[in-house]
Protein backbone atom coordinates (compact mmCIF):
# COMPACT_ATOMS: atom_id res chain seq x y z
CA UNK A 1 -7.61 -13.62 -19.83
CA UNK A 2 -8.38 -10.71 -17.59
CA UNK A 3 -10.88 -11.12 -14.84
CA UNK A 4 -12.89 -7.96 -14.22
CA UNK A 5 -15.33 -7.01 -11.54
CA UNK A 6 -17.64 -4.02 -11.74
CA UNK A 7 -18.62 -2.77 -8.32
CA UNK A 8 -21.88 -1.05 -7.48
CA UNK A 9 -21.54 2.43 -8.84
CA UNK A 10 -23.70 4.17 -6.28
CA UNK A 11 -20.93 4.56 -3.74
CA UNK A 12 -22.81 7.35 -1.96
CA UNK A 13 -19.89 8.59 0.10
CA UNK A 14 -21.16 11.79 1.67
CA UNK A 15 -18.02 12.77 3.55
CA UNK A 16 -16.36 15.90 2.26
CA UNK A 17 -12.70 15.26 1.43
CA UNK A 18 -9.76 17.52 0.84
CA UNK A 19 -8.32 17.74 -2.65
CA UNK A 20 -5.81 15.06 -3.57
CA UNK A 21 -3.20 15.74 -6.23
CA UNK A 22 -2.52 12.66 -8.30
CA UNK A 23 0.42 12.12 -10.52
CA UNK A 24 1.15 11.69 -14.10
CA UNK A 25 2.59 9.06 -16.33
CA UNK A 26 3.83 10.15 -19.71
CA UNK A 27 4.06 13.51 -21.37
CA UNK A 28 0.66 14.72 -20.24
CA UNK A 29 -0.34 15.78 -16.76
CA UNK A 30 -2.80 13.53 -14.98
CA UNK A 31 -4.53 14.89 -11.89
CA UNK A 32 -6.77 13.22 -9.38
CA UNK A 33 -8.92 14.03 -6.43
CA UNK A 34 -12.12 15.75 -5.40
CA UNK A 35 -14.02 17.28 -2.54
CA UNK A 36 -16.88 14.78 -2.52
CA UNK A 37 -17.47 11.30 -3.81
CA UNK A 38 -20.91 10.32 -5.08
CA UNK A 39 -22.68 8.40 -7.81
CA UNK A 40 -20.52 7.70 -10.87
CA UNK A 41 -23.51 7.38 -13.14
CA UNK A 42 -22.59 3.82 -14.10
CA UNK A 43 -24.69 0.72 -13.75
CA UNK A 44 -23.94 -2.22 -11.48
CA UNK A 45 -22.82 -5.58 -12.76
CA UNK A 46 -19.83 -7.16 -14.45
CA UNK A 47 -18.18 -5.37 -17.33
CA UNK A 48 -17.19 -7.30 -20.42
CA UNK A 49 -13.64 -7.40 -21.74
CA UNK A 50 -12.58 -5.57 -24.85
CA UNK A 51 -10.34 -8.22 -26.36
CA UNK A 52 -7.83 -11.00 -25.88
CA UNK A 53 -5.35 -8.67 -24.22
CA UNK A 54 -7.82 -7.58 -21.58
CA UNK A 55 -6.84 -6.38 -18.12
CA UNK A 56 -7.92 -3.83 -15.60
CA UNK A 57 -8.07 -0.09 -15.28
CA UNK A 58 -10.32 2.84 -16.10
CA UNK A 59 -11.52 6.17 -15.30
CA UNK A 60 -14.01 6.48 -12.59
CA UNK A 61 -14.83 9.18 -10.22
CA UNK A 62 -17.11 11.08 -7.96
CA UNK A 63 -19.65 13.70 -8.87
CA UNK A 64 -23.13 14.92 -8.18
CA UNK A 65 -24.33 14.26 -11.73
CA UNK A 66 -23.21 12.40 -14.81
CA UNK A 67 -22.52 14.78 -17.67
CA UNK A 68 -23.89 14.02 -21.10
CA UNK A 69 -20.88 13.03 -23.25
CA UNK A 70 -22.55 14.57 -26.27
CA UNK A 71 -22.41 18.00 -24.69
CA UNK A 72 -19.11 17.76 -22.82
CA UNK A 73 -16.93 15.89 -25.30
CA UNK A 74 -13.50 17.10 -26.30
CA UNK A 75 -14.24 20.09 -28.56
CA UNK A 76 -11.25 19.34 -30.80
CA UNK A 77 -12.37 15.78 -31.57
CA UNK A 78 -12.84 14.73 -35.17
CA UNK A 79 -10.04 16.71 -36.80
CA UNK A 80 -7.10 14.27 -36.89
CA UNK A 81 -6.17 10.72 -37.94
CA UNK A 82 -8.79 8.22 -39.03
CA UNK A 83 -9.27 4.72 -37.63
CA UNK A 84 -6.46 2.45 -38.78
CA UNK A 85 -3.90 5.26 -38.90
CA UNK A 86 -0.79 5.28 -36.72
CA UNK A 87 -0.81 7.28 -33.49
CA UNK A 88 1.36 8.03 -30.49
CA UNK A 89 -1.17 9.74 -28.19
CA UNK A 90 -4.95 9.81 -28.11
CA UNK A 91 -5.07 13.36 -29.47
CA UNK A 92 -3.56 12.06 -32.72
CA UNK A 93 -6.86 10.29 -33.44
CA UNK A 94 -10.21 11.70 -34.51
CA UNK A 95 -11.75 9.07 -32.24
CA UNK A 96 -9.46 10.15 -29.38
CA UNK A 97 -8.47 6.50 -28.83
CA UNK A 98 -4.92 5.40 -29.65
CA UNK A 99 -4.79 1.65 -29.05
CA UNK A 100 -1.43 0.55 -27.69
CA UNK A 101 -0.12 -1.14 -24.58
CA UNK A 102 3.06 0.71 -23.64
CA UNK A 103 4.05 4.35 -23.95
CA UNK A 104 6.96 4.09 -26.45
CA UNK A 105 5.19 2.01 -29.10
CA UNK A 106 3.27 3.37 -32.06
CA UNK A 107 -0.41 2.56 -31.77
CA UNK A 108 -3.38 2.57 -34.09
CA UNK A 109 -6.47 4.76 -34.01
CA UNK A 110 -9.63 2.78 -33.18
CA UNK A 111 -13.28 3.38 -32.39
CA UNK A 112 -14.17 4.77 -28.96
CA UNK A 113 -16.03 2.56 -26.49
CA UNK A 114 -19.81 2.43 -26.72
CA UNK A 115 -22.09 4.31 -24.38
CA UNK A 116 -19.68 7.05 -23.37
CA UNK A 117 -17.37 4.68 -21.49
CA UNK A 118 -13.67 5.33 -20.99
CA UNK A 119 -11.07 2.75 -21.93
CA UNK A 120 -7.79 2.23 -20.08
CA UNK A 121 -5.12 -0.05 -21.50
CA UNK A 122 -1.45 -0.75 -20.96
CA UNK A 123 1.09 -2.93 -19.19
CA UNK A 124 1.98 -3.33 -15.52
CA UNK A 125 5.76 -3.25 -15.00
CA UNK A 126 8.28 -3.65 -12.21
CA UNK A 127 9.84 -0.30 -11.39
CA UNK A 128 13.21 -2.04 -11.14
CA UNK A 129 14.13 -3.13 -14.66
CA UNK A 130 10.76 -2.59 -16.32
CA UNK A 131 9.82 -6.27 -16.70
CA UNK A 132 6.08 -6.94 -17.18
CA UNK A 133 4.31 -8.22 -14.06
CA UNK A 134 1.40 -10.59 -14.59
CA UNK A 135 -1.49 -11.14 -12.23
CA UNK A 136 -1.40 -7.84 -10.34
CA UNK A 137 -4.74 -6.55 -9.11
CA UNK A 138 -5.69 -3.10 -10.36
CA UNK A 139 -8.27 -1.11 -8.42
CA UNK A 140 -9.69 1.98 -10.04
CA UNK A 141 -10.44 4.63 -7.42
CA UNK A 142 -11.96 8.07 -7.40
CA UNK A 143 -8.95 10.18 -6.52
CA UNK A 144 -10.60 11.64 -3.42
CA UNK A 145 -11.11 8.17 -2.01
CA UNK A 146 -7.34 7.61 -2.21
CA UNK A 147 -6.83 10.31 0.40
CA UNK A 148 -5.64 8.67 3.59
CA UNK A 149 -5.33 4.91 3.12
CA UNK A 150 -6.15 4.05 -0.51
CA UNK A 151 -6.04 0.32 0.18
CA UNK A 152 -9.16 0.74 2.33
CA UNK A 153 -11.04 2.71 -0.34
CA UNK A 154 -13.94 1.15 -2.25
CA UNK A 155 -12.94 0.74 -5.92
CA UNK A 156 -15.21 1.97 -8.68
CA UNK A 157 -14.29 -1.31 -10.34
CA UNK A 158 -11.28 -3.57 -10.40
CA UNK A 159 -9.57 -6.40 -12.24
CA UNK A 160 -6.47 -8.51 -12.65
CA UNK A 161 -3.82 -8.15 -15.37
CA UNK A 162 -3.20 -11.14 -17.61
CA UNK A 163 -0.05 -13.26 -17.43
CA UNK A 164 1.89 -10.77 -19.56
CA UNK A 165 0.93 -7.84 -17.36
CA UNK A 166 -1.46 -6.43 -19.95
CA UNK A 167 -4.67 -4.71 -18.93
CA UNK A 168 -7.51 -3.46 -21.13
CA UNK A 169 -10.60 -2.11 -19.42
CA UNK A 170 -13.67 -0.01 -20.06
CA UNK A 171 -15.77 1.75 -17.48
CA UNK A 172 -19.34 0.40 -17.21
CA UNK A 173 -20.63 3.72 -18.58
CA UNK A 174 -19.82 7.45 -18.58
CA UNK A 175 -17.58 8.55 -15.74
CA UNK A 176 -18.11 11.80 -13.91
CA UNK A 177 -15.40 13.03 -11.54
CA UNK A 178 -14.43 16.66 -11.00
CA UNK A 179 -10.69 16.09 -10.58
CA UNK A 180 -9.52 12.64 -11.69
CA UNK A 181 -9.10 8.94 -11.00
CA UNK A 182 -6.27 6.76 -9.71
CA UNK A 183 -5.10 3.23 -10.44
CA UNK A 184 -4.01 1.34 -7.31
CA UNK A 185 -1.94 -1.81 -7.82
CA UNK A 186 -2.06 -4.46 -5.11
CA UNK A 187 -0.12 -7.72 -5.17
CA UNK A 188 1.38 -10.04 -2.55
CA UNK A 189 5.02 -9.17 -1.83
CA UNK A 190 4.71 -5.72 -3.37
CA UNK A 191 3.93 -2.41 -1.73
CA UNK A 192 0.70 -0.77 -2.98
CA UNK A 193 1.46 1.78 -5.69
CA UNK A 194 -0.84 4.45 -7.11
CA UNK A 195 -0.72 6.27 -10.44
CA UNK A 196 -3.02 8.93 -11.87
CA UNK A 197 -4.95 7.44 -14.79
CA UNK A 198 -6.95 10.33 -16.24
CA UNK A 199 -8.43 13.74 -15.61
CA UNK A 200 -11.65 15.20 -17.04
CA UNK A 201 -11.54 16.66 -20.54
CA UNK A 202 -14.34 19.12 -19.78
CA UNK A 203 -16.12 19.81 -16.52
CA UNK A 204 -16.25 16.42 -14.86
CA UNK A 205 -16.63 14.41 -18.08
CA UNK A 206 -13.93 12.07 -19.40
CA UNK A 207 -12.70 11.28 -22.86
CA UNK A 208 -12.94 7.81 -24.42
CA UNK A 209 -9.46 6.68 -23.34
CA UNK A 210 -6.87 7.36 -20.64
CA UNK A 211 -3.48 8.75 -21.61
CA UNK A 212 -1.41 6.36 -19.46
CA UNK A 213 -0.09 3.10 -20.93
CA UNK A 214 2.30 1.90 -18.22
CA UNK A 215 1.65 1.27 -14.52
CA UNK A 216 4.32 0.33 -12.00
CA UNK A 217 4.82 -1.95 -9.00
CA UNK A 218 7.58 -2.04 -6.38
CA UNK A 219 8.52 -4.92 -4.10
CA UNK A 220 8.24 -4.66 -0.32
CA UNK A 221 11.90 -5.63 -0.05
CA UNK A 222 13.06 -2.91 -2.43
CA UNK A 223 11.04 -0.19 -0.74
CA UNK A 224 12.35 -1.32 2.64
CA UNK A 225 15.93 -1.20 1.38
CA UNK A 226 15.42 2.28 -0.07
CA UNK A 227 13.95 3.55 3.19
CA UNK A 228 17.01 2.21 4.99
CA UNK A 229 19.35 4.05 2.64
CA UNK A 230 17.37 7.28 2.85
CA UNK A 231 17.42 7.30 6.66
CA UNK A 232 21.03 8.45 6.44
CA UNK A 233 19.81 11.72 4.88
CA UNK A 234 18.83 13.95 7.82
CA UNK A 235 16.83 16.29 5.59
CA UNK A 236 14.42 13.47 4.73
CA UNK A 237 13.88 11.95 8.17
CA UNK A 238 10.49 13.57 8.82
CA UNK A 239 9.13 12.18 5.53
CA UNK A 240 10.17 8.55 6.03
CA UNK A 241 9.39 5.77 5.66
CA UNK A 242 8.11 6.15 2.13
CA UNK A 243 4.76 4.46 1.85
CA UNK A 244 3.68 4.75 5.47
CA UNK A 245 4.07 8.51 5.06
CA UNK A 246 3.25 8.63 1.37
CA UNK A 247 5.91 9.98 -0.94
CA UNK A 248 6.67 9.62 -4.62
CA UNK A 249 8.92 7.19 -6.45
CA UNK A 250 9.64 7.85 -10.07
CA UNK A 251 11.42 6.86 -13.21
CA UNK A 252 12.73 8.89 -16.13
CA UNK A 253 12.58 7.08 -19.48
CA UNK A 254 13.82 8.03 -22.92
CA UNK A 255 11.82 7.89 -26.14
CA UNK A 256 12.44 4.15 -26.48
CA UNK A 257 11.12 3.42 -23.00
CA UNK A 258 14.55 2.73 -21.48
CA UNK A 259 15.65 4.26 -18.15
CA UNK A 260 17.46 7.53 -18.76
CA UNK A 261 20.78 8.40 -17.15
CA UNK A 262 21.85 11.99 -16.51
CA UNK A 263 18.33 13.37 -16.07
CA UNK A 264 17.72 16.15 -13.56
CA UNK A 265 14.18 16.24 -12.19
CA UNK A 266 13.10 19.71 -11.10
CA UNK A 267 9.98 21.50 -9.94
CA UNK A 268 8.27 23.99 -12.20
CA UNK A 269 7.72 26.10 -9.07
CA UNK A 270 10.83 28.20 -8.28
CA UNK A 271 9.84 28.29 -4.59
CA UNK A 272 9.40 24.55 -4.24
CA UNK A 273 10.39 22.85 -0.99
CA UNK A 274 10.32 19.39 -2.55
CA UNK A 275 13.41 17.24 -2.14
CA UNK A 276 14.57 14.83 -4.85
CA UNK A 277 17.07 12.01 -4.53
CA UNK A 278 18.38 9.66 -7.23
CA UNK A 279 19.23 5.98 -6.81
CA UNK A 280 22.95 5.56 -7.47
CA UNK A 281 24.35 3.25 -10.12
CA UNK A 282 25.23 0.54 -7.61
CA UNK A 283 21.81 0.74 -5.94
CA UNK A 284 23.51 1.14 -2.56
CA UNK A 285 22.97 4.86 -1.99
CA UNK A 286 21.02 7.91 -3.11
CA UNK A 287 22.52 11.08 -4.55
CA UNK A 288 21.19 14.58 -5.18
CA UNK A 289 22.67 15.29 -8.60
CA UNK A 290 21.03 13.28 -11.44
CA UNK A 291 19.67 9.89 -12.45
CA UNK A 292 21.98 6.95 -13.00
CA UNK A 293 21.35 4.34 -15.69
CA UNK A 294 18.39 2.97 -13.71
CA UNK A 295 16.53 6.29 -14.13
CA UNK A 296 15.03 6.02 -10.62
CA UNK A 297 14.35 8.79 -8.12
CA UNK A 298 12.33 9.52 -4.99
CA UNK A 299 10.59 12.77 -4.17
CA UNK A 300 9.26 14.02 -0.84
CA UNK A 301 7.43 17.14 0.40
CA UNK A 302 5.83 18.27 -2.87
CA UNK A 303 3.11 20.90 -2.72
CA UNK A 304 -0.45 19.99 -3.65
CA UNK A 305 -0.55 19.25 -7.40
CA UNK A 306 3.03 20.43 -7.82
CA UNK A 307 4.37 19.92 -11.33
CA UNK A 308 7.79 18.51 -12.12
CA UNK A 309 9.80 18.26 -15.31
CA UNK A 310 13.16 17.03 -16.58
CA UNK A 311 15.67 19.79 -17.23
CA UNK A 312 15.83 20.54 -20.95
CA UNK A 313 12.92 18.25 -21.85
CA UNK A 314 9.30 18.82 -22.82
CA UNK A 315 7.67 16.60 -20.19
CA UNK A 316 5.56 17.35 -17.12
CA UNK A 317 4.43 15.19 -14.23
CA UNK A 318 2.21 16.06 -11.29
CA UNK A 319 3.24 14.74 -7.88
CA UNK A 320 0.59 13.03 -5.80
CA UNK A 321 1.67 12.17 -2.28
CA UNK A 322 -1.29 13.22 -0.11
CA UNK A 323 -1.89 9.63 0.94
CA UNK A 324 -0.57 7.05 3.36
CA UNK A 325 -0.23 3.32 2.98
CA UNK A 326 0.77 3.57 -0.68
CA UNK A 327 3.56 5.02 -2.78
CA UNK A 328 2.69 7.31 -5.65
CA UNK A 329 4.52 6.58 -8.91
CA UNK A 330 5.44 9.29 -11.42
CA UNK A 331 6.91 8.27 -14.77
CA UNK A 332 8.51 11.03 -16.81
CA UNK A 333 8.73 9.91 -20.44
CA UNK A 334 11.13 12.18 -22.30
CA UNK A 335 10.14 12.46 -25.99
């Protein structure tokens, strides 16, 4: 059963921060960051779980005020599938909540959380092989607070995934954040990884559920080995090691959730200076042509909030690497 801890919401950080571009998981673009971090509009105290498959994650974020959900809700809500109907994404549902715990599966439309809260649910997986990882700690951060060293940032709230890696979390109340929120995964023996969880649907107000159903971890040993392999690439030297100098690691998956071979990741900006490398089939080198059967790639030097896609596919991810002490993860799920 998931343990969850709600931290005091009145974070009161008065320091002005630069914008942080956070990444995306899935077929929608998830951004994160802000210029200031203030009261989230939530109350202090422990949050209750939403069910037997509970875990940790949510939308949280900084803002001067907490918007009234009744006046800032998704204007297209209420015109699609009813509760109990099948869904693939939240927008399929009139409630705007598609309950499922991994991106490829078909979910079911359910009621939104009470009180204007936002629900985040899914599964934590190992980036190598995709196996579920139980017991990882998930910290939900205002994206701006992830600028610099996200491991030192004060979480909006946090929790621990269950033994099967499943998390299911609601914010303590409405979340107000002008740019977005980030999920930071921390576990012994694994390098901290960050993934964009949600962006506002209107103004700084969030919908009832995040659009990300898979979060990813990476072992210290694997990241160290990758950095060693990448050092041979002179063009990347100034951006290494990944993690200490930020950077993005990613995976391309097909519609069944399996790693996709032959995928070419490219920027949507023709003038991009970003550099992309793909882990070779044998795992002993990186190439610059396309993904192997592991679907894995690394990306350095993206511009702020730069968008990436897979050639020939309808999928977009936003790179977030303006941080140190953590690796940003971008999953591109090809429909």
